[in-house]
Amino acid sequence: MTRTALVTGGSRGIGAAIAVALKNAGYKVAANYAGNDEAASNFNAETGIPVYRWSVADYDACAAGVAQVEADLGPVDVLVNNAGITRDAMFHKMTPQQWREVIDTNLNGVFNMTHQVWTGMRDRKFGRIITISSINGQKGQMGQANYSAAKAGDLGFTKALAQEGARAGITVNAICPGYIATDMVMAVPEKVRESIVAQIPVGRLGEPEEIARAVLFLASDESGFITGSTLSVNGGQFVV
């Protein structure tokens, strides 16, 4: 049986690597994206993975989007909550809008998406919910009170929901990447990147494909005894 996977924020960066890895492993894959039509179109042309545009911060849009994916590809068996944004500012300068935008996407978006697939997974007695949190949700980060709060909230959500899904064959886990060589990270000045790498014991940035391989394992049947867990993929930068 070919399973269906849906990756939010799936047309760029870590999300794109996850979507491609899942497709290569034999899943039917849908990639959600929020607004970069050009990047999504290029991704679709390069990979053949269908792309769907909606904001995970909008509950009704999530409901309509998931319904369309399931009409096209079948019921969602694996949901990867990867979509995320940053609106960094020191707290004394952070605006309510900056706070709300990050919470709405990075935390509320996880609820909005998971809520759409949960009942179907319970009915079918199988599901995999994998949420991409962050090292900064574990340790905090100056200038990211909003982001760190949202990503820490994702971990609490994971632990609680895992207990509800366990008897229904649904596992719920989180992955906390460290600093990964995405376009965003590679765009920062070289000296800043060097200072980041200096804090990573393995001496390099992570690769998006390394996060994707972790997702593949947690999505597999072989991971069925792992739920409520947080997998840190950070090169030893923060050890829990």
C-alpha atoms as a PDB file:
ATOM      1  CA  MET A   1       0.000   0.000   0.000  1.00  0.00           C
ATOM      2  CA  THR A   2       1.339   3.391  -0.997  1.00  0.00           C
ATOM      3  CA  ARG A   3       0.921   5.930   1.778  1.00  0.00           C
ATOM      4  CA  THR A   4       0.254   9.631   1.352  1.00  0.00           C
ATOM      5  CA  ALA A   5       2.412  12.276   3.011  1.00  0.00           C
ATOM      6  CA  LEU A   6       1.738  16.000   3.305  1.00  0.00           C
ATOM      7  CA  VAL A   7       4.613  18.382   4.062  1.00  0.00           C
ATOM      8  CA  THR A   8       3.838  21.958   5.024  1.00  0.00           C
ATOM      9  CA  GLY A   9       6.357  24.536   3.893  1.00  0.00           C
ATOM     10  CA  GLY A  10       7.380  21.781   1.544  1.00  0.00           C
ATOM     11  CA  SER A  11       8.654  23.603  -1.533  1.00  0.00           C
ATOM     12  CA  ARG A  12      11.857  25.120  -0.121  1.00  0.00           C
ATOM     13  CA  GLY A  13      14.691  24.400   2.287  1.00  0.00           C
ATOM     14  CA  ILE A  14      14.228  21.635   4.832  1.00  0.00           C
ATOM     15  CA  GLY A  15      10.653  21.049   3.702  1.00  0.00           C
ATOM     16  CA  ALA A  16      11.703  20.470   0.102  1.00  0.00           C
ATOM     17  CA  ALA A  17      14.355  17.972   1.192  1.00  0.00           C
ATOM     18  CA  ILE A  18      11.746  16.136   3.272  1.00  0.00           C
ATOM     19  CA  ALA A  19       9.230  16.047   0.428  1.00  0.00           C
ATOM     20  CA  VAL A  20      11.807  14.696  -2.039  1.00  0.00           C
ATOM     21  CA  ALA A  21      13.032  12.058   0.422  1.00  0.00           C
ATOM     22  CA  LEU A  22       9.495  10.850   1.042  1.00  0.00           C
ATOM     23  CA  LYS A  23       8.779  10.661  -2.677  1.00  0.00           C
ATOM     24  CA  ASN A  24      11.997   8.729  -3.278  1.00  0.00           C
ATOM     25  CA  ALA A  25      10.948   6.317  -0.524  1.00  0.00           C
ATOM     26  CA  GLY A  26       7.723   5.551  -2.365  1.00  0.00           C
ATOM     27  CA  TYR A  27       5.194   7.860  -0.711  1.00  0.00           C
ATOM     28  CA  LYS A  28       2.633   9.902  -2.590  1.00  0.00           C
ATOM     29  CA  VAL A  29       3.648  13.413  -1.518  1.00  0.00           C
ATOM     30  CA  ALA A  30       1.927  16.787  -1.444  1.00  0.00           C
ATOM     31  CA  ALA A  31       3.864  19.958  -0.641  1.00  0.00           C
ATOM     32  CA  ASN A  32       2.075  22.917   0.884  1.00  0.00           C
ATOM     33  CA  TYR A  33       3.448  26.439   0.568  1.00  0.00           C
ATOM     34  CA  ALA A  34       2.328  29.857   1.746  1.00  0.00           C
ATOM     35  CA  GLY A  35       3.090  32.391  -0.950  1.00  0.00           C
ATOM     36  CA  ASN A  36       6.228  32.010  -3.064  1.00  0.00           C
ATOM     37  CA  ASP A  37       4.601  30.910  -6.310  1.00  0.00           C
ATOM     38  CA  GLU A  38       7.823  31.009  -8.309  1.00  0.00           C
ATOM     39  CA  ALA A  39       9.709  28.737  -5.917  1.00  0.00           C
ATOM     40  CA  ALA A  40       6.755  26.360  -5.699  1.00  0.00           C
ATOM     41  CA  SER A  41       6.410  26.213  -9.475  1.00  0.00           C
ATOM     42  CA  ASN A  42      10.116  25.493  -9.883  1.00  0.00           C
ATOM     43  CA  PHE A  43       9.964  22.812  -7.214  1.00  0.00           C
ATOM     44  CA  ASN A  44       7.006  21.143  -8.907  1.00  0.00           C
ATOM     45  CA  ALA A  45       8.744  21.238 -12.284  1.00  0.00           C
ATOM     46  CA  GLU A  46      11.948  19.758 -10.876  1.00  0.00           C
ATOM     47  CA  THR A  47      10.408  17.026  -8.721  1.00  0.00           C
ATOM     48  CA  GLY A  48       6.935  16.309 -10.039  1.00  0.00           C
ATOM     49  CA  ILE A  49       5.582  16.725  -6.513  1.00  0.00           C
ATOM     50  CA  PRO A  50       2.220  18.524  -6.552  1.00  0.00           C
ATOM     51  CA  VAL A  51       2.123  21.832  -4.670  1.00  0.00           C
ATOM     52  CA  TYR A  52      -0.802  23.430  -2.864  1.00  0.00           C
ATOM     53  CA  ARG A  53      -0.989  27.002  -1.664  1.00  0.00           C
ATOM     54  CA  TRP A  54      -2.547  27.990   1.637  1.00  0.00           C
ATOM     55  CA  SER A  55      -1.525  29.563   4.946  1.00  0.00           C
ATOM     56  CA  VAL A  56      -1.271  27.144   7.847  1.00  0.00           C
ATOM     57  CA  ALA A  57      -2.205  30.076  10.096  1.00  0.00           C
ATOM     58  CA  ASP A  58      -5.750  29.975   8.625  1.00  0.00           C
ATOM     59  CA  TYR A  59      -7.814  27.083  10.007  1.00  0.00           C
ATOM     60  CA  ASP A  60     -10.442  27.172   7.266  1.00  0.00           C
ATOM     61  CA  ALA A  61      -7.770  27.307   4.568  1.00  0.00           C
ATOM     62  CA  CYS A  62      -6.134  24.244   6.139  1.00  0.00           C
ATOM     63  CA  ALA A  63      -9.439  22.392   6.073  1.00  0.00           C
ATOM     64  CA  ALA A  64      -9.983  23.203   2.404  1.00  0.00           C
ATOM     65  CA  GLY A  65      -6.357  22.479   1.495  1.00  0.00           C
ATOM     66  CA  VAL A  66      -6.243  19.085   3.171  1.00  0.00           C
ATOM     67  CA  ALA A  67      -9.582  18.174   1.610  1.00  0.00           C
ATOM     68  CA  GLN A  68      -8.137  18.935  -1.832  1.00  0.00           C
ATOM     69  CA  VAL A  69      -4.963  16.945  -1.160  1.00  0.00           C
ATOM     70  CA  GLU A  70      -6.990  13.959  -0.004  1.00  0.00           C
ATOM     71  CA  ALA A  71      -9.269  14.210  -3.047  1.00  0.00           C
ATOM     72  CA  ASP A  72      -6.201  14.190  -5.299  1.00  0.00           C
ATOM     73  CA  LEU A  73      -3.900  11.716  -3.534  1.00  0.00           C
ATOM     74  CA  GLY A  74      -5.901   9.867  -0.903  1.00  0.00           C
ATOM     75  CA  PRO A  75      -6.133  10.119   2.900  1.00  0.00           C
ATOM     76  CA  VAL A  76      -3.108  11.665   4.589  1.00  0.00           C
ATOM     77  CA  ASP A  77      -1.149   9.026   6.498  1.00  0.00           C
ATOM     78  CA  VAL A  78       1.903  11.147   7.314  1.00  0.00           C
ATOM     79  CA  LEU A  79       1.770  14.824   8.210  1.00  0.00           C
ATOM     80  CA  VAL A  80       5.009  16.770   8.488  1.00  0.00           C
ATOM     81  CA  ASN A  81       4.425  20.128  10.184  1.00  0.00           C
ATOM     82  CA  ASN A  82       7.400  22.010   8.792  1.00  0.00           C
ATOM     83  CA  ALA A  83       6.032  25.454   7.885  1.00  0.00           C
ATOM     84  CA  GLY A  84       7.556  28.236   9.947  1.00  0.00           C
ATOM     85  CA  ILE A  85       8.477  31.897   9.889  1.00  0.00           C
ATOM     86  CA  THR A  86      10.667  34.264  11.885  1.00  0.00           C
ATOM     87  CA  ARG A  87       9.988  37.827  12.944  1.00  0.00           C
ATOM     88  CA  ASP A  88      13.060  38.423  15.079  1.00  0.00           C
ATOM     89  CA  ALA A  89      13.377  41.374  17.433  1.00  0.00           C
ATOM     90  CA  MET A  90      14.666  42.043  20.898  1.00  0.00           C
ATOM     91  CA  PHE A  91      11.708  41.732  23.250  1.00  0.00           C
ATOM     92  CA  HIS A  92      11.582  45.407  24.210  1.00  0.00           C
ATOM     93  CA  LYS A  93      11.176  46.208  20.515  1.00  0.00           C
ATOM     94  CA  MET A  94       8.918  43.302  19.561  1.00  0.00           C
ATOM     95  CA  THR A  95       5.474  44.338  18.364  1.00  0.00           C
ATOM     96  CA  PRO A  96       2.236  42.474  19.058  1.00  0.00           C
ATOM     97  CA  GLN A  97       2.032  41.802  15.321  1.00  0.00           C
ATOM     98  CA  GLN A  98       5.476  40.167  15.281  1.00  0.00           C
ATOM     99  CA  TRP A  99       4.437  38.012  18.215  1.00  0.00           C
ATOM    100  CA  ARG A 100       1.092  37.004  16.717  1.00  0.00           C
ATOM    101  CA  GLU A 101       2.419  36.227  13.245  1.00  0.00           C
ATOM    102  CA  VAL A 102       4.988  33.771  14.562  1.00  0.00           C
ATOM    103  CA  ILE A 103       2.621  32.125  17.051  1.00  0.00           C
ATOM    104  CA  ASP A 104      -0.118  31.868  14.405  1.00  0.00           C
ATOM    105  CA  THR A 105       2.135  30.088  11.917  1.00  0.00           C
ATOM    106  CA  ASN A 106       4.597  28.134  14.046  1.00  0.00           C
ATOM    107  CA  LEU A 107       2.271  26.999  16.837  1.00  0.00           C
ATOM    108  CA  ASN A 108      -1.347  27.527  15.835  1.00  0.00           C
ATOM    109  CA  GLY A 109      -0.458  26.218  12.377  1.00  0.00           C
ATOM    110  CA  VAL A 110       0.501  22.873  13.904  1.00  0.00           C
ATOM    111  CA  PHE A 111      -2.925  22.635  15.543  1.00  0.00           C
ATOM    112  CA  ASN A 112      -4.695  23.811  12.395  1.00  0.00           C
ATOM    113  CA  MET A 113      -3.044  21.162  10.230  1.00  0.00           C
ATOM    114  CA  THR A 114      -3.059  18.252  12.654  1.00  0.00           C
ATOM    115  CA  HIS A 115      -6.726  18.780  13.455  1.00  0.00           C
ATOM    116  CA  GLN A 116      -7.629  18.158   9.804  1.00  0.00           C
ATOM    117  CA  VAL A 117      -6.037  14.699   9.615  1.00  0.00           C
ATOM    118  CA  TRP A 118      -6.488  13.406  13.161  1.00  0.00           C
ATOM    119  CA  THR A 119      -9.959  11.894  12.871  1.00  0.00           C
ATOM    120  CA  GLY A 120      -9.082  10.033   9.682  1.00  0.00           C
ATOM    121  CA  MET A 121      -5.931   8.631  11.241  1.00  0.00           C
ATOM    122  CA  ARG A 122      -7.904   7.471  14.275  1.00  0.00           C
ATOM    123  CA  ASP A 123     -10.486   5.791  12.058  1.00  0.00           C
ATOM    124  CA  ARG A 124      -7.804   4.006  10.008  1.00  0.00           C
ATOM    125  CA  LYS A 125      -5.743   3.112  13.109  1.00  0.00           C
ATOM    126  CA  PHE A 126      -2.564   4.489  11.615  1.00  0.00           C
ATOM    127  CA  GLY A 127      -0.879   7.873  11.427  1.00  0.00           C
ATOM    128  CA  ARG A 128       2.401   9.694  11.717  1.00  0.00           C
ATOM    129  CA  ILE A 129       2.547  13.294  12.928  1.00  0.00           C
ATOM    130  CA  ILE A 130       6.047  14.753  12.726  1.00  0.00           C
ATOM    131  CA  THR A 131       6.597  18.364  13.721  1.00  0.00           C
ATOM    132  CA  ILE A 132       9.766  20.262  12.919  1.00  0.00           C
ATOM    133  CA  SER A 133      10.541  22.292  16.022  1.00  0.00           C
ATOM    134  CA  SER A 134      13.964  23.874  16.626  1.00  0.00           C
ATOM    135  CA  ILE A 135      17.027  23.892  18.835  1.00  0.00           C
ATOM    136  CA  ASN A 136      15.821  27.330  19.892  1.00  0.00           C
ATOM    137  CA  GLY A 137      12.592  25.820  21.177  1.00  0.00           C
ATOM    138  CA  GLN A 138      14.759  23.730  23.495  1.00  0.00           C
ATOM    139  CA  LYS A 139      17.304  26.269  24.693  1.00  0.00           C
ATOM    140  CA  GLY A 140      15.803  29.658  23.787  1.00  0.00           C
ATOM    141  CA  GLN A 141      17.491  32.348  21.720  1.00  0.00           C
ATOM    142  CA  MET A 142      17.987  36.043  22.292  1.00  0.00           C
ATOM    143  CA  GLY A 143      15.856  38.079  19.910  1.00  0.00           C
ATOM    144  CA  GLN A 144      13.483  35.171  19.337  1.00  0.00           C
ATOM    145  CA  ALA A 145      11.060  35.186  22.260  1.00  0.00           C
ATOM    146  CA  ASN A 146       8.192  34.641  19.824  1.00  0.00           C
ATOM    147  CA  TYR A 147       9.918  31.892  17.810  1.00  0.00           C
ATOM    148  CA  SER A 148      11.312  30.083  20.843  1.00  0.00           C
ATOM    149  CA  ALA A 149       7.936  30.179  22.576  1.00  0.00           C
ATOM    150  CA  ALA A 150       6.161  28.757  19.544  1.00  0.00           C
ATOM    151  CA  LYS A 151       8.720  26.017  18.957  1.00  0.00           C
ATOM    152  CA  ALA A 152       8.709  25.060  22.648  1.00  0.00           C
ATOM    153  CA  GLY A 153       4.916  24.929  22.443  1.00  0.00           C
ATOM    154  CA  ASP A 154       5.227  22.475  19.564  1.00  0.00           C
ATOM    155  CA  LEU A 155       7.122  20.130  21.888  1.00  0.00           C
ATOM    156  CA  GLY A 156       4.411  20.282  24.548  1.00  0.00           C
ATOM    157  CA  PHE A 157       1.781  19.655  21.885  1.00  0.00           C
ATOM    158  CA  THR A 158       3.750  16.627  20.689  1.00  0.00           C
ATOM    159  CA  LYS A 159       4.051  15.079  24.144  1.00  0.00           C
ATOM    160  CA  ALA A 160       0.377  15.550  24.969  1.00  0.00           C
ATOM    161  CA  LEU A 161      -1.045  14.399  21.646  1.00  0.00           C
ATOM    162  CA  ALA A 162       1.200  11.335  21.571  1.00  0.00           C
ATOM    163  CA  GLN A 163      -0.660  10.037  24.620  1.00  0.00           C
ATOM    164  CA  GLU A 164      -3.993  10.447  22.852  1.00  0.00           C
ATOM    165  CA  GLY A 165      -2.894   8.799  19.621  1.00  0.00           C
ATOM    166  CA  ALA A 166      -0.961   5.827  20.954  1.00  0.00           C
ATOM    167  CA  ARG A 167      -3.865   3.374  21.262  1.00  0.00           C
ATOM    168  CA  ALA A 168      -5.077   4.382  17.784  1.00  0.00           C
ATOM    169  CA  GLY A 169      -1.800   3.526  16.079  1.00  0.00           C
ATOM    170  CA  ILE A 170      -0.797   7.161  15.654  1.00  0.00           C
ATOM    171  CA  THR A 171       2.698   8.282  16.645  1.00  0.00           C
ATOM    172  CA  VAL A 172       3.426  11.934  17.311  1.00  0.00           C
ATOM    173  CA  ASN A 173       7.040  13.070  17.404  1.00  0.00           C
ATOM    174  CA  ALA A 174       9.144  16.186  16.968  1.00  0.00           C
ATOM    175  CA  ILE A 175      12.498  16.911  15.402  1.00  0.00           C
ATOM    176  CA  CYS A 176      14.625  19.823  16.614  1.00  0.00           C
ATOM    177  CA  PRO A 177      17.125  20.835  13.941  1.00  0.00           C
ATOM    178  CA  GLY A 178      20.139  22.894  14.813  1.00  0.00           C
ATOM    179  CA  TYR A 179      21.651  25.259  12.266  1.00  0.00           C
ATOM    180  CA  ILE A 180      21.079  23.849   8.785  1.00  0.00           C
ATOM    181  CA  ALA A 181      22.651  24.994   5.509  1.00  0.00           C
ATOM    182  CA  THR A 182      19.459  26.408   4.015  1.00  0.00           C
ATOM    183  CA  ASP A 183      19.339  29.461   1.763  1.00  0.00           C
ATOM    184  CA  MET A 184      18.402  31.594   4.763  1.00  0.00           C
ATOM    185  CA  VAL A 185      21.413  30.534   6.818  1.00  0.00           C
ATOM    186  CA  MET A 186      23.807  30.671   3.891  1.00  0.00           C
ATOM    187  CA  ALA A 187      22.685  34.236   3.163  1.00  0.00           C
ATOM    188  CA  VAL A 188      24.029  35.578   6.463  1.00  0.00           C
ATOM    189  CA  PRO A 189      27.503  37.166   6.400  1.00  0.00           C
ATOM    190  CA  GLU A 190      30.367  34.680   6.349  1.00  0.00           C
ATOM    191  CA  LYS A 191      31.752  35.859   9.683  1.00  0.00           C
ATOM    192  CA  VAL A 192      28.375  35.258  11.306  1.00  0.00           C
ATOM    193  CA  ARG A 193      28.239  31.742   9.843  1.00  0.00           C
ATOM    194  CA  GLU A 194      31.742  31.084  11.131  1.00  0.00           C
ATOM    195  CA  SER A 195      30.678  32.131  14.619  1.00  0.00           C
ATOM    196  CA  ILE A 196      27.707  29.757  14.409  1.00  0.00           C
ATOM    197  CA  VAL A 197      29.825  26.835  13.238  1.00  0.00           C
ATOM    198  CA  ALA A 198      32.274  27.509  16.070  1.00  0.00           C
ATOM    199  CA  GLN A 199      29.483  26.599  18.514  1.00  0.00           C
ATOM    200  CA  ILE A 200      28.759  23.239  16.820  1.00  0.00           C
ATOM    201  CA  PRO A 201      30.937  20.382  18.107  1.00  0.00           C
ATOM    202  CA  VAL A 202      30.910  18.483  14.794  1.00  0.00           C
ATOM    203  CA  GLY A 203      32.332  21.609  13.162  1.00  0.00           C
ATOM    204  CA  ARG A 204      29.830  22.197  10.368  1.00  0.00           C
ATOM    205  CA  LEU A 205      26.276  23.164   9.530  1.00  0.00           C
ATOM    206  CA  GLY A 206      23.733  20.415   9.076  1.00  0.00           C
ATOM    207  CA  GLU A 207      22.301  19.524   5.683  1.00  0.00           C
ATOM    208  CA  PRO A 208      18.548  19.556   4.904  1.00  0.00           C
ATOM    209  CA  GLU A 209      18.831  15.943   3.812  1.00  0.00           C
ATOM    210  CA  GLU A 210      19.936  14.970   7.326  1.00  0.00           C
ATOM    211  CA  ILE A 211      16.640  16.258   8.705  1.00  0.00           C
ATOM    212  CA  ALA A 212      14.808  14.460   5.914  1.00  0.00           C
ATOM    213  CA  ARG A 213      16.394  11.141   6.849  1.00  0.00           C
ATOM    214  CA  ALA A 214      15.191  11.589  10.422  1.00  0.00           C
ATOM    215  CA  VAL A 215      11.680  12.246   9.126  1.00  0.00           C
ATOM    216  CA  LEU A 216      11.811   9.115   6.974  1.00  0.00           C
ATOM    217  CA  PHE A 217      12.578   6.987  10.012  1.00  0.00           C
ATOM    218  CA  LEU A 218       9.826   8.505  12.150  1.00  0.00           C
ATOM    219  CA  ALA A 219       7.356   8.091   9.276  1.00  0.00           C
ATOM    220  CA  SER A 220       8.145   4.402   8.852  1.00  0.00           C
ATOM    221  CA  ASP A 221       6.406   1.349  10.278  1.00  0.00           C
ATOM    222  CA  GLU A 222       9.670   0.515  12.061  1.00  0.00           C
ATOM    223  CA  SER A 223       9.276   3.551  14.334  1.00  0.00           C
ATOM    224  CA  GLY A 224       5.943   2.432  15.747  1.00  0.00           C
ATOM    225  CA  PHE A 225       7.203   2.177  19.352  1.00  0.00           C
ATOM    226  CA  ILE A 226       8.542   5.739  19.304  1.00  0.00           C
ATOM    227  CA  THR A 227       6.014   8.413  20.214  1.00  0.00           C
ATOM    228  CA  GLY A 228       6.048  11.615  22.234  1.00  0.00           C
ATOM    229  CA  SER A 229       9.763  11.903  21.526  1.00  0.00           C
ATOM    230  CA  THR A 230      11.971  14.811  20.524  1.00  0.00           C
ATOM    231  CA  LEU A 231      14.868  13.992  18.204  1.00  0.00           C
ATOM    232  CA  SER A 232      17.657  16.570  18.350  1.00  0.00           C
ATOM    233  CA  VAL A 233      19.623  16.908  15.098  1.00  0.00           C
ATOM    234  CA  ASN A 234      22.080  19.659  15.938  1.00  0.00           C
ATOM    235  CA  GLY A 235      25.633  18.347  15.712  1.00  0.00           C
ATOM    236  CA  GLY A 236      25.969  18.317  19.496  1.00  0.00           C
ATOM    237  CA  GLN A 237      25.334  22.057  19.890  1.00  0.00           C
ATOM    238  CA  PHE A 238      22.698  21.486  22.564  1.00  0.00           C
ATOM    239  CA  VAL A 239      22.488  18.184  24.414  1.00  0.00           C
ATOM    240  CA  VAL A 240      19.294  17.420  26.303  1.00  0.00           C
END
